Amino acid sequence: MTRLQDKVRESVNAIVDPETGLTLGEMKLIGRLEEDSSGGMRIEFRPSNPFCPIALKLALDIKNTALRVQGVKEAIVCCRGHAIEETINRIVNSTDSRSQE
């Protein structure tokens, strides 16, 4: 894992799930994290259950947190295991998703 990947993982793992009060790291909700050569990050996120009502909010939080890490140029969040994961992924990874916080 690269230094940038470590920084991003540390940052997104520190996000607190408002429903449980636990961090995403404590809940082990962040899966693979890949970096491309141009500073782009691909982050896999698995909500705590397939009908998690705040999965979209958490995915947006993950994306925006990753983008605040110095050196990250782009962040793609891939929600897995949610009933509407395709919709969540489309919304979060649209070009204007930062305005939906």
PDB file of N, CA and C in Angstrom:
ATOM      1  N   MET A   1       0.842  -1.170   0.000  1.00  0.00           N
ATOM      2  CA  MET A   1       0.000   0.000   0.000  1.00  0.00           C
ATOM      3  C   MET A   1       0.896   1.245   0.000  1.00  0.00           C
ATOM      4  N   THR A   2       0.495   2.227  -0.813  1.00  0.00           N
ATOM      5  CA  THR A   2       1.283   3.454  -0.889  1.00  0.00           C
ATOM      6  C   THR A   2       0.978   4.361   0.304  1.00  0.00           C
ATOM      7  N   ARG A   3       1.819   5.356   0.468  1.00  0.00           N
ATOM      8  CA  ARG A   3       1.626   6.325   1.554  1.00  0.00           C
ATOM      9  C   ARG A   3       0.292   7.068   1.393  1.00  0.00           C
ATOM     10  N   LEU A   4      -0.048   7.414   0.150  1.00  0.00           N
ATOM     11  CA  LEU A   4      -1.309   8.107  -0.103  1.00  0.00           C
ATOM     12  C   LEU A   4      -2.498   7.197   0.248  1.00  0.00           C
ATOM     13  N   GLN A   5      -2.416   5.949  -0.116  1.00  0.00           N
ATOM     14  CA  GLN A   5      -3.479   5.001   0.243  1.00  0.00           C
ATOM     15  C   GLN A   5      -3.630   4.911   1.764  1.00  0.00           C
ATOM     16  N   ASP A   6      -2.505   4.857   2.456  1.00  0.00           N
ATOM     17  CA  ASP A   6      -2.546   4.805   3.923  1.00  0.00           C
ATOM     18  C   ASP A   6      -3.246   6.028   4.498  1.00  0.00           C
ATOM     19  N   LYS A   7      -2.917   7.217   3.966  1.00  0.00           N
ATOM     20  CA  LYS A   7      -3.529   8.453   4.448  1.00  0.00           C
ATOM     21  C   LYS A   7      -5.033   8.458   4.200  1.00  0.00           C
ATOM     22  N   VAL A   8      -5.428   8.014   3.012  1.00  0.00           N
ATOM     23  CA  VAL A   8      -6.852   7.984   2.676  1.00  0.00           C
ATOM     24  C   VAL A   8      -7.575   6.974   3.568  1.00  0.00           C
ATOM     25  N   ARG A   9      -7.006   5.787   3.736  1.00  0.00           N
ATOM     26  CA  ARG A   9      -7.643   4.769   4.581  1.00  0.00           C
ATOM     27  C   ARG A   9      -7.791   5.295   6.013  1.00  0.00           C
ATOM     28  N   GLU A  10      -6.757   5.919   6.526  1.00  0.00           N
ATOM     29  CA  GLU A  10      -6.810   6.465   7.884  1.00  0.00           C
ATOM     30  C   GLU A  10      -7.920   7.513   8.003  1.00  0.00           C
ATOM     31  N   SER A  11      -8.030   8.374   7.002  1.00  0.00           N
ATOM     32  CA  SER A  11      -9.039   9.439   7.029  1.00  0.00           C
ATOM     33  C   SER A  11     -10.457   8.892   6.946  1.00  0.00           C
ATOM     34  N   VAL A  12     -10.705   7.995   6.003  1.00  0.00           N
ATOM     35  CA  VAL A  12     -12.074   7.491   5.851  1.00  0.00           C
ATOM     36  C   VAL A  12     -12.449   6.534   6.981  1.00  0.00           C
ATOM     37  N   ASN A  13     -11.475   5.820   7.522  1.00  0.00           N
ATOM     38  CA  ASN A  13     -11.759   4.943   8.656  1.00  0.00           C
ATOM     39  C   ASN A  13     -12.177   5.730   9.896  1.00  0.00           C
ATOM     40  N   ALA A  14     -11.813   7.027   9.955  1.00  0.00           N
ATOM     41  CA  ALA A  14     -12.141   7.864  11.114  1.00  0.00           C
ATOM     42  C   ALA A  14     -13.547   8.468  11.042  1.00  0.00           C
ATOM     43  N   ILE A  15     -14.237   8.321   9.908  1.00  0.00           N
ATOM     44  CA  ILE A  15     -15.605   8.837   9.784  1.00  0.00           C
ATOM     45  C   ILE A  15     -16.496   8.089  10.771  1.00  0.00           C
ATOM     46  N   VAL A  16     -17.322   8.830  11.482  1.00  0.00           N
ATOM     47  CA  VAL A  16     -18.210   8.235  12.485  1.00  0.00           C
ATOM     48  C   VAL A  16     -19.591   7.975  11.878  1.00  0.00           C
ATOM     49  N   ASP A  17     -20.075   6.761  12.061  1.00  0.00           N
ATOM     50  CA  ASP A  17     -21.440   6.392  11.665  1.00  0.00           C
ATOM     51  C   ASP A  17     -22.374   6.990  12.714  1.00  0.00           C
ATOM     52  N   PRO A  18     -23.234   7.946  12.333  1.00  0.00           N
ATOM     53  CA  PRO A  18     -24.083   8.603  13.326  1.00  0.00           C
ATOM     54  C   PRO A  18     -25.113   7.670  13.973  1.00  0.00           C
ATOM     55  N   GLU A  19     -25.425   6.577  13.332  1.00  0.00           N
ATOM     56  CA  GLU A  19     -26.392   5.639  13.918  1.00  0.00           C
ATOM     57  C   GLU A  19     -25.795   4.831  15.062  1.00  0.00           C
ATOM     58  N   THR A  20     -24.510   4.479  14.943  1.00  0.00           N
ATOM     59  CA  THR A  20     -23.886   3.604  15.949  1.00  0.00           C
ATOM     60  C   THR A  20     -22.897   4.331  16.845  1.00  0.00           C
ATOM     61  N   GLY A  21     -22.381   5.468  16.380  1.00  0.00           N
ATOM     62  CA  GLY A  21     -21.347   6.175  17.122  1.00  0.00           C
ATOM     63  C   GLY A  21     -19.970   5.567  16.931  1.00  0.00           C
ATOM     64  N   LEU A  22     -19.873   4.539  16.099  1.00  0.00           N
ATOM     65  CA  LEU A  22     -18.591   3.890  15.807  1.00  0.00           C
ATOM     66  C   LEU A  22     -18.008   4.451  14.522  1.00  0.00           C
ATOM     67  N   THR A  23     -16.693   4.340  14.385  1.00  0.00           N
ATOM     68  CA  THR A  23     -16.069   4.776  13.137  1.00  0.00           C
ATOM     69  C   THR A  23     -16.232   3.687  12.074  1.00  0.00           C
ATOM     70  N   LEU A  24     -16.079   4.104  10.822  1.00  0.00           N
ATOM     71  CA  LEU A  24     -16.157   3.128   9.738  1.00  0.00           C
ATOM     72  C   LEU A  24     -15.046   2.095   9.868  1.00  0.00           C
ATOM     73  N   GLY A  25     -13.909   2.515  10.397  1.00  0.00           N
ATOM     74  CA  GLY A  25     -12.807   1.583  10.634  1.00  0.00           C
ATOM     75  C   GLY A  25     -13.163   0.552  11.691  1.00  0.00           C
ATOM     76  N   GLU A  26     -13.769   0.993  12.780  1.00  0.00           N
ATOM     77  CA  GLU A  26     -14.179   0.064  13.833  1.00  0.00           C
ATOM     78  C   GLU A  26     -15.208  -0.938  13.318  1.00  0.00           C
ATOM     79  N   MET A  27     -16.056  -0.481  12.406  1.00  0.00           N
ATOM     80  CA  MET A  27     -17.098  -1.345  11.848  1.00  0.00           C
ATOM     81  C   MET A  27     -16.593  -2.165  10.656  1.00  0.00           C
ATOM     82  N   LYS A  28     -15.375  -1.878  10.223  1.00  0.00           N
ATOM     83  CA  LYS A  28     -14.760  -2.576   9.092  1.00  0.00           C
ATOM     84  C   LYS A  28     -15.613  -2.478   7.811  1.00  0.00           C
ATOM     85  N   LEU A  29     -16.036  -1.248   7.505  1.00  0.00           N
ATOM     86  CA  LEU A  29     -16.889  -1.016   6.342  1.00  0.00           C
ATOM     87  C   LEU A  29     -16.117  -0.627   5.084  1.00  0.00           C
ATOM     88  N   ILE A  30     -14.837  -0.321   5.232  1.00  0.00           N
ATOM     89  CA  ILE A  30     -14.016   0.053   4.078  1.00  0.00           C
ATOM     90  C   ILE A  30     -13.253  -1.173   3.610  1.00  0.00           C
ATOM     91  N   GLY A  31     -13.442  -1.502   2.347  1.00  0.00           N
ATOM     92  CA  GLY A  31     -12.762  -2.664   1.768  1.00  0.00           C
ATOM     93  C   GLY A  31     -11.531  -2.242   0.995  1.00  0.00           C
ATOM     94  N   ARG A  32     -11.460  -2.698  -0.242  1.00  0.00           N
ATOM     95  CA  ARG A  32     -10.305  -2.365  -1.083  1.00  0.00           C
ATOM     96  C   ARG A  32     -10.197  -0.876  -1.305  1.00  0.00           C
ATOM     97  N   LEU A  33      -8.961  -0.432  -1.397  1.00  0.00           N
ATOM     98  CA  LEU A  33      -8.651   0.956  -1.668  1.00  0.00           C
ATOM     99  C   LEU A  33      -7.503   0.937  -2.661  1.00  0.00           C
ATOM    100  N   GLU A  34      -7.763   1.423  -3.862  1.00  0.00           N
ATOM    101  CA  GLU A  34      -6.758   1.374  -4.926  1.00  0.00           C
ATOM    102  C   GLU A  34      -6.426   2.778  -5.407  1.00  0.00           C
ATOM    103  N   GLU A  35      -5.167   2.982  -5.722  1.00  0.00           N
ATOM    104  CA  GLU A  35      -4.687   4.264  -6.236  1.00  0.00           C
ATOM    105  C   GLU A  35      -4.250   4.085  -7.677  1.00  0.00           C
ATOM    106  N   ASP A  36      -4.617   5.042  -8.549  1.00  0.00           N
ATOM    107  CA  ASP A  36      -4.084   4.993  -9.904  1.00  0.00           C
ATOM    108  C   ASP A  36      -2.889   5.944  -9.996  1.00  0.00           C
ATOM    109  N   SER A  37      -2.251   5.966 -11.112  1.00  0.00           N
ATOM    110  CA  SER A  37      -1.006   6.726 -11.254  1.00  0.00           C
ATOM    111  C   SER A  37      -1.205   8.244 -11.246  1.00  0.00           C
ATOM    112  N   SER A  38      -2.435   8.704 -11.391  1.00  0.00           N
ATOM    113  CA  SER A  38      -2.657  10.151 -11.446  1.00  0.00           C
ATOM    114  C   SER A  38      -3.279  10.726 -10.165  1.00  0.00           C
ATOM    115  N   GLY A  39      -3.218   9.990  -9.061  1.00  0.00           N
ATOM    116  CA  GLY A  39      -3.749  10.489  -7.798  1.00  0.00           C
ATOM    117  C   GLY A  39      -5.224  10.206  -7.598  1.00  0.00           C
ATOM    118  N   GLY A  40      -5.766   9.315  -8.404  1.00  0.00           N
ATOM    119  CA  GLY A  40      -7.161   8.920  -8.241  1.00  0.00           C
ATOM    120  C   GLY A  40      -7.270   7.760  -7.259  1.00  0.00           C
ATOM    121  N   MET A  41      -8.330   7.749  -6.475  1.00  0.00           N
ATOM    122  CA  MET A  41      -8.570   6.683  -5.504  1.00  0.00           C
ATOM    123  C   MET A  41      -9.889   6.003  -5.815  1.00  0.00           C
ATOM    124  N   ARG A  42      -9.898   4.701  -5.684  1.00  0.00           N
ATOM    125  CA  ARG A  42     -11.113   3.908  -5.797  1.00  0.00           C
ATOM    126  C   ARG A  42     -11.288   3.227  -4.443  1.00  0.00           C
ATOM    127  N   ILE A  43     -12.415   3.525  -3.789  1.00  0.00           N
ATOM    128  CA  ILE A  43     -12.642   3.062  -2.421  1.00  0.00           C
ATOM    129  C   ILE A  43     -13.892   2.197  -2.387  1.00  0.00           C
ATOM    130  N   GLU A  44     -13.751   0.983  -1.894  1.00  0.00           N
ATOM    131  CA  GLU A  44     -14.897   0.096  -1.758  1.00  0.00           C
ATOM    132  C   GLU A  44     -15.496   0.247  -0.362  1.00  0.00           C
ATOM    133  N   PHE A  45     -16.807   0.391  -0.321  1.00  0.00           N
ATOM    134  CA  PHE A  45     -17.536   0.618   0.915  1.00  0.00           C
ATOM    135  C   PHE A  45     -18.692  -0.378   1.000  1.00  0.00           C
ATOM    136  N   ARG A  46     -18.803  -1.064   2.106  1.00  0.00           N
ATOM    137  CA  ARG A  46     -19.896  -2.009   2.326  1.00  0.00           C
ATOM    138  C   ARG A  46     -20.690  -1.562   3.545  1.00  0.00           C
ATOM    139  N   PRO A  47     -21.921  -1.041   3.334  1.00  0.00           N
ATOM    140  CA  PRO A  47     -22.735  -0.613   4.472  1.00  0.00           C
ATOM    141  C   PRO A  47     -22.998  -1.768   5.443  1.00  0.00           C
ATOM    142  N   SER A  48     -23.411  -1.411   6.646  1.00  0.00           N
ATOM    143  CA  SER A  48     -23.607  -2.420   7.693  1.00  0.00           C
ATOM    144  C   SER A  48     -24.754  -3.377   7.393  1.00  0.00           C
ATOM    145  N   ASN A  49     -25.684  -2.975   6.535  1.00  0.00           N
ATOM    146  CA  ASN A  49     -26.746  -3.892   6.112  1.00  0.00           C
ATOM    147  C   ASN A  49     -27.267  -3.460   4.743  1.00  0.00           C
ATOM    148  N   PRO A  50     -27.935  -4.354   4.013  1.00  0.00           N
ATOM    149  CA  PRO A  50     -28.366  -4.051   2.645  1.00  0.00           C
ATOM    150  C   PRO A  50     -29.423  -2.959   2.523  1.00  0.00           C
ATOM    151  N   PHE A  51     -30.003  -2.551   3.641  1.00  0.00           N
ATOM    152  CA  PHE A  51     -31.024  -1.502   3.612  1.00  0.00           C
ATOM    153  C   PHE A  51     -30.634  -0.312   4.483  1.00  0.00           C
ATOM    154  N   CYS A  52     -29.349  -0.147   4.729  1.00  0.00           N
ATOM    155  CA  CYS A  52     -28.849   0.947   5.565  1.00  0.00           C
ATOM    156  C   CYS A  52     -29.426   2.273   5.052  1.00  0.00           C
ATOM    157  N   PRO A  53     -30.175   2.989   5.895  1.00  0.00           N
ATOM    158  CA  PRO A  53     -30.831   4.214   5.436  1.00  0.00           C
ATOM    159  C   PRO A  53     -29.878   5.387   5.188  1.00  0.00           C
ATOM    160  N   ILE A  54     -28.659   5.302   5.681  1.00  0.00           N
ATOM    161  CA  ILE A  54     -27.714   6.415   5.491  1.00  0.00           C
ATOM    162  C   ILE A  54     -26.533   6.029   4.609  1.00  0.00           C
ATOM    163  N   ALA A  55     -26.685   4.977   3.809  1.00  0.00           N
ATOM    164  CA  ALA A  55     -25.584   4.531   2.945  1.00  0.00           C
ATOM    165  C   ALA A  55     -25.143   5.630   1.976  1.00  0.00           C
ATOM    166  N   LEU A  56     -26.091   6.356   1.415  1.00  0.00           N
ATOM    167  CA  LEU A  56     -25.731   7.443   0.490  1.00  0.00           C
ATOM    168  C   LEU A  56     -24.945   8.519   1.226  1.00  0.00           C
ATOM    169  N   LYS A  57     -25.405   8.918   2.399  1.00  0.00           N
ATOM    170  CA  LYS A  57     -24.689   9.930   3.181  1.00  0.00           C
ATOM    171  C   LYS A  57     -23.282   9.465   3.501  1.00  0.00           C
ATOM    172  N   LEU A  58     -23.135   8.219   3.945  1.00  0.00           N
ATOM    173  CA  LEU A  58     -21.806   7.701   4.277  1.00  0.00           C
ATOM    174  C   LEU A  58     -20.906   7.649   3.047  1.00  0.00           C
ATOM    175  N   ALA A  59     -21.457   7.232   1.909  1.00  0.00           N
ATOM    176  CA  ALA A  59     -20.662   7.180   0.678  1.00  0.00           C
ATOM    177  C   ALA A  59     -20.185   8.577   0.280  1.00  0.00           C
ATOM    178  N   LEU A  60     -21.067   9.564   0.402  1.00  0.00           N
ATOM    179  CA  LEU A  60     -20.665  10.955   0.107  1.00  0.00           C
ATOM    180  C   LEU A  60     -19.607  11.434   1.094  1.00  0.00           C
ATOM    181  N   ASP A  61     -19.764  11.076   2.362  1.00  0.00           N
ATOM    182  CA  ASP A  61     -18.764  11.440   3.367  1.00  0.00           C
ATOM    183  C   ASP A  61     -17.410  10.820   3.034  1.00  0.00           C
ATOM    184  N   ILE A  62     -17.419   9.576   2.603  1.00  0.00           N
ATOM    185  CA  ILE A  62     -16.173   8.889   2.232  1.00  0.00           C
ATOM    186  C   ILE A  62     -15.505   9.609   1.071  1.00  0.00           C
ATOM    187  N   LYS A  63     -16.283   9.914   0.051  1.00  0.00           N
ATOM    188  CA  LYS A  63     -15.725  10.600  -1.123  1.00  0.00           C
ATOM    189  C   LYS A  63     -15.129  11.953  -0.739  1.00  0.00           C
ATOM    190  N   ASN A  64     -15.893  12.756  -0.015  1.00  0.00           N
ATOM    191  CA  ASN A  64     -15.430  14.103   0.328  1.00  0.00           C
ATOM    192  C   ASN A  64     -14.251  14.080   1.289  1.00  0.00           C
ATOM    193  N   THR A  65     -14.222  13.116   2.186  1.00  0.00           N
ATOM    194  CA  THR A  65     -13.083  12.972   3.097  1.00  0.00           C
ATOM    195  C   THR A  65     -11.833  12.593   2.314  1.00  0.00           C
ATOM    196  N   ALA A  66     -11.967  11.661   1.394  1.00  0.00           N
ATOM    197  CA  ALA A  66     -10.822  11.247   0.572  1.00  0.00           C
ATOM    198  C   ALA A  66     -10.299  12.410  -0.263  1.00  0.00           C
ATOM    199  N   LEU A  67     -11.203  13.209  -0.803  1.00  0.00           N
ATOM    200  CA  LEU A  67     -10.783  14.343  -1.636  1.00  0.00           C
ATOM    201  C   LEU A  67     -10.051  15.418  -0.835  1.00  0.00           C
ATOM    202  N   ARG A  68     -10.247  15.462   0.460  1.00  0.00           N
ATOM    203  CA  ARG A  68      -9.540  16.436   1.297  1.00  0.00           C
ATOM    204  C   ARG A  68      -8.109  15.995   1.642  1.00  0.00           C
ATOM    205  N   VAL A  69      -7.759  14.766   1.350  1.00  0.00           N
ATOM    206  CA  VAL A  69      -6.404  14.293   1.619  1.00  0.00           C
ATOM    207  C   VAL A  69      -5.482  14.857   0.541  1.00  0.00           C
ATOM    208  N   GLN A  70      -4.417  15.504   0.985  1.00  0.00           N
ATOM    209  CA  GLN A  70      -3.476  16.112   0.048  1.00  0.00           C
ATOM    210  C   GLN A  70      -2.917  15.053  -0.890  1.00  0.00           C
ATOM    211  N   GLY A  71      -3.001  15.320  -2.202  1.00  0.00           N
ATOM    212  CA  GLY A  71      -2.486  14.404  -3.210  1.00  0.00           C
ATOM    213  C   GLY A  71      -3.574  13.634  -3.944  1.00  0.00           C
ATOM    214  N   VAL A  72      -4.777  13.623  -3.378  1.00  0.00           N
ATOM    215  CA  VAL A  72      -5.889  12.921  -4.034  1.00  0.00           C
ATOM    216  C   VAL A  72      -6.541  13.869  -5.030  1.00  0.00           C
ATOM    217  N   LYS A  73      -6.571  13.455  -6.280  1.00  0.00           N
ATOM    218  CA  LYS A  73      -7.136  14.280  -7.354  1.00  0.00           C
ATOM    219  C   LYS A  73      -8.584  13.901  -7.655  1.00  0.00           C
ATOM    220  N   GLU A  74      -8.924  12.637  -7.424  1.00  0.00           N
ATOM    221  CA  GLU A  74     -10.262  12.124  -7.716  1.00  0.00           C
ATOM    222  C   GLU A  74     -10.541  10.977  -6.763  1.00  0.00           C
ATOM    223  N   ALA A  75     -11.805  10.809  -6.406  1.00  0.00           N
ATOM    224  CA  ALA A  75     -12.183   9.685  -5.551  1.00  0.00           C
ATOM    225  C   ALA A  75     -13.458   9.052  -6.105  1.00  0.00           C
ATOM    226  N   ILE A  76     -13.392   7.771  -6.339  1.00  0.00           N
ATOM    227  CA  ILE A  76     -14.541   6.992  -6.788  1.00  0.00           C
ATOM    228  C   ILE A  76     -14.896   6.050  -5.642  1.00  0.00           C
ATOM    229  N   VAL A  77     -16.147   6.129  -5.183  1.00  0.00           N
ATOM    230  CA  VAL A  77     -16.602   5.264  -4.096  1.00  0.00           C
ATOM    231  C   VAL A  77     -17.522   4.207  -4.691  1.00  0.00           C
ATOM    232  N   CYS A  78     -17.240   2.963  -4.384  1.00  0.00           N
ATOM    233  CA  CYS A  78     -18.040   1.844  -4.873  1.00  0.00           C
ATOM    234  C   CYS A  78     -18.764   1.199  -3.699  1.00  0.00           C
ATOM    235  N   CYS A  79     -20.049   1.485  -3.591  1.00  0.00           N
ATOM    236  CA  CYS A  79     -20.882   0.881  -2.555  1.00  0.00           C
ATOM    237  C   CYS A  79     -21.191  -0.545  -2.992  1.00  0.00           C
ATOM    238  N   ARG A  80     -21.039  -1.492  -2.083  1.00  0.00           N
ATOM    239  CA  ARG A  80     -21.294  -2.904  -2.365  1.00  0.00           C
ATOM    240  C   ARG A  80     -22.251  -3.466  -1.319  1.00  0.00           C
ATOM    241  N   GLY A  81     -23.139  -4.345  -1.743  1.00  0.00           N
ATOM    242  CA  GLY A  81     -24.001  -5.048  -0.809  1.00  0.00           C
ATOM    243  C   GLY A  81     -25.204  -4.269  -0.315  1.00  0.00           C
ATOM    244  N   HIS A  82     -25.577  -3.202  -1.020  1.00  0.00           N
ATOM    245  CA  HIS A  82     -26.761  -2.430  -0.635  1.00  0.00           C
ATOM    246  C   HIS A  82     -27.851  -2.658  -1.679  1.00  0.00           C
ATOM    247  N   ALA A  83     -29.094  -2.625  -1.243  1.00  0.00           N
ATOM    248  CA  ALA A  83     -30.226  -2.871  -2.140  1.00  0.00           C
ATOM    249  C   ALA A  83     -30.254  -1.912  -3.335  1.00  0.00           C
ATOM    250  N   ILE A  84     -29.795  -0.682  -3.146  1.00  0.00           N
ATOM    251  CA  ILE A  84     -29.787   0.295  -4.252  1.00  0.00           C
ATOM    252  C   ILE A  84     -28.363   0.778  -4.547  1.00  0.00           C
ATOM    253  N   GLU A  85     -27.424  -0.140  -4.499  1.00  0.00           N
ATOM    254  CA  GLU A  85     -26.018   0.260  -4.683  1.00  0.00           C
ATOM    255  C   GLU A  85     -25.763   0.938  -6.019  1.00  0.00           C
ATOM    256  N   GLU A  86     -26.417   0.517  -7.092  1.00  0.00           N
ATOM    257  CA  GLU A  86     -26.185   1.153  -8.393  1.00  0.00           C
ATOM    258  C   GLU A  86     -26.584   2.628  -8.352  1.00  0.00           C
ATOM    259  N   THR A  87     -27.701   2.927  -7.734  1.00  0.00           N
ATOM    260  CA  THR A  87     -28.160   4.313  -7.616  1.00  0.00           C
ATOM    261  C   THR A  87     -27.199   5.115  -6.742  1.00  0.00           C
ATOM    262  N   ILE A  88     -26.797   4.546  -5.622  1.00  0.00           N
ATOM    263  CA  ILE A  88     -25.849   5.222  -4.730  1.00  0.00           C
ATOM    264  C   ILE A  88     -24.558   5.524  -5.476  1.00  0.00           C
ATOM    265  N   ASN A  89     -24.032   4.533  -6.185  1.00  0.00           N
ATOM    266  CA  ASN A  89     -22.775   4.728  -6.920  1.00  0.00           C
ATOM    267  C   ASN A  89     -22.913   5.803  -7.994  1.00  0.00           C
ATOM    268  N   ARG A  90     -24.038   5.813  -8.692  1.00  0.00           N
ATOM    269  CA  ARG A  90     -24.250   6.817  -9.740  1.00  0.00           C
ATOM    270  C   ARG A  90     -24.296   8.219  -9.129  1.00  0.00           C
ATOM    271  N   ILE A  91     -25.024   8.380  -8.027  1.00  0.00           N
ATOM    272  CA  ILE A  91     -25.143   9.703  -7.388  1.00  0.00           C
ATOM    273  C   ILE A  91     -23.800  10.161  -6.831  1.00  0.00           C
ATOM    274  N   VAL A  92     -23.141   9.294  -6.087  1.00  0.00           N
ATOM    275  CA  VAL A  92     -21.891   9.671  -5.420  1.00  0.00           C
ATOM    276  C   VAL A  92     -20.792  10.007  -6.416  1.00  0.00           C
ATOM    277  N   ASN A  93     -20.778   9.317  -7.520  1.00  0.00           N
ATOM    278  CA  ASN A  93     -19.674   9.496  -8.463  1.00  0.00           C
ATOM    279  C   ASN A  93     -20.014  10.423  -9.620  1.00  0.00           C
ATOM    280  N   SER A  94     -21.161  11.113  -9.516  1.00  0.00           N
ATOM    281  CA  SER A  94     -21.486  12.124 -10.522  1.00  0.00           C
ATOM    282  C   SER A  94     -20.564  13.320 -10.303  1.00  0.00           C
ATOM    283  N   THR A  95     -20.420  14.131 -11.304  1.00  0.00           N
ATOM    284  CA  THR A  95     -19.470  15.237 -11.219  1.00  0.00           C
ATOM    285  C   THR A  95     -19.868  16.296 -10.206  1.00  0.00           C
ATOM    286  N   ASP A  96     -21.149  16.370  -9.857  1.00  0.00           N
ATOM    287  CA  ASP A  96     -21.579  17.405  -8.923  1.00  0.00           C
ATOM    288  C   ASP A  96     -21.943  16.843  -7.548  1.00  0.00           C
ATOM    289  N   SER A  97     -21.451  15.674  -7.201  1.00  0.00           N
ATOM    290  CA  SER A  97     -21.825  15.027  -5.938  1.00  0.00           C
ATOM    291  C   SER A  97     -21.368  15.792  -4.704  1.00  0.00           C
ATOM    292  N   ARG A  98     -20.348  16.610  -4.817  1.00  0.00           N
ATOM    293  CA  ARG A  98     -19.873  17.364  -3.637  1.00  0.00           C
ATOM    294  C   ARG A  98     -20.926  18.322  -3.128  1.00  0.00           C
ATOM    295  N   SER A  99     -21.815  18.782  -4.015  1.00  0.00           N
ATOM    296  CA  SER A  99     -22.841  19.726  -3.587  1.00  0.00           C
ATOM    297  C   SER A  99     -23.996  19.037  -2.850  1.00  0.00           C
ATOM    298  N   GLN A 100     -23.984  17.696  -2.784  1.00  0.00           N
ATOM    299  CA  GLN A 100     -25.069  16.957  -2.154  1.00  0.00           C
ATOM    300  C   GLN A 100     -24.792  16.611  -0.707  1.00  0.00           C
ATOM    301  N   GLU A 101     -23.732  17.105  -0.142  1.00  0.00           N
ATOM    302  CA  GLU A 101     -23.381  16.821   1.260  1.00  0.00           C
ATOM    303  C   GLU A 101     -24.489  17.221   2.189  1.00  0.00           C
TER     304      GLU A 101
END
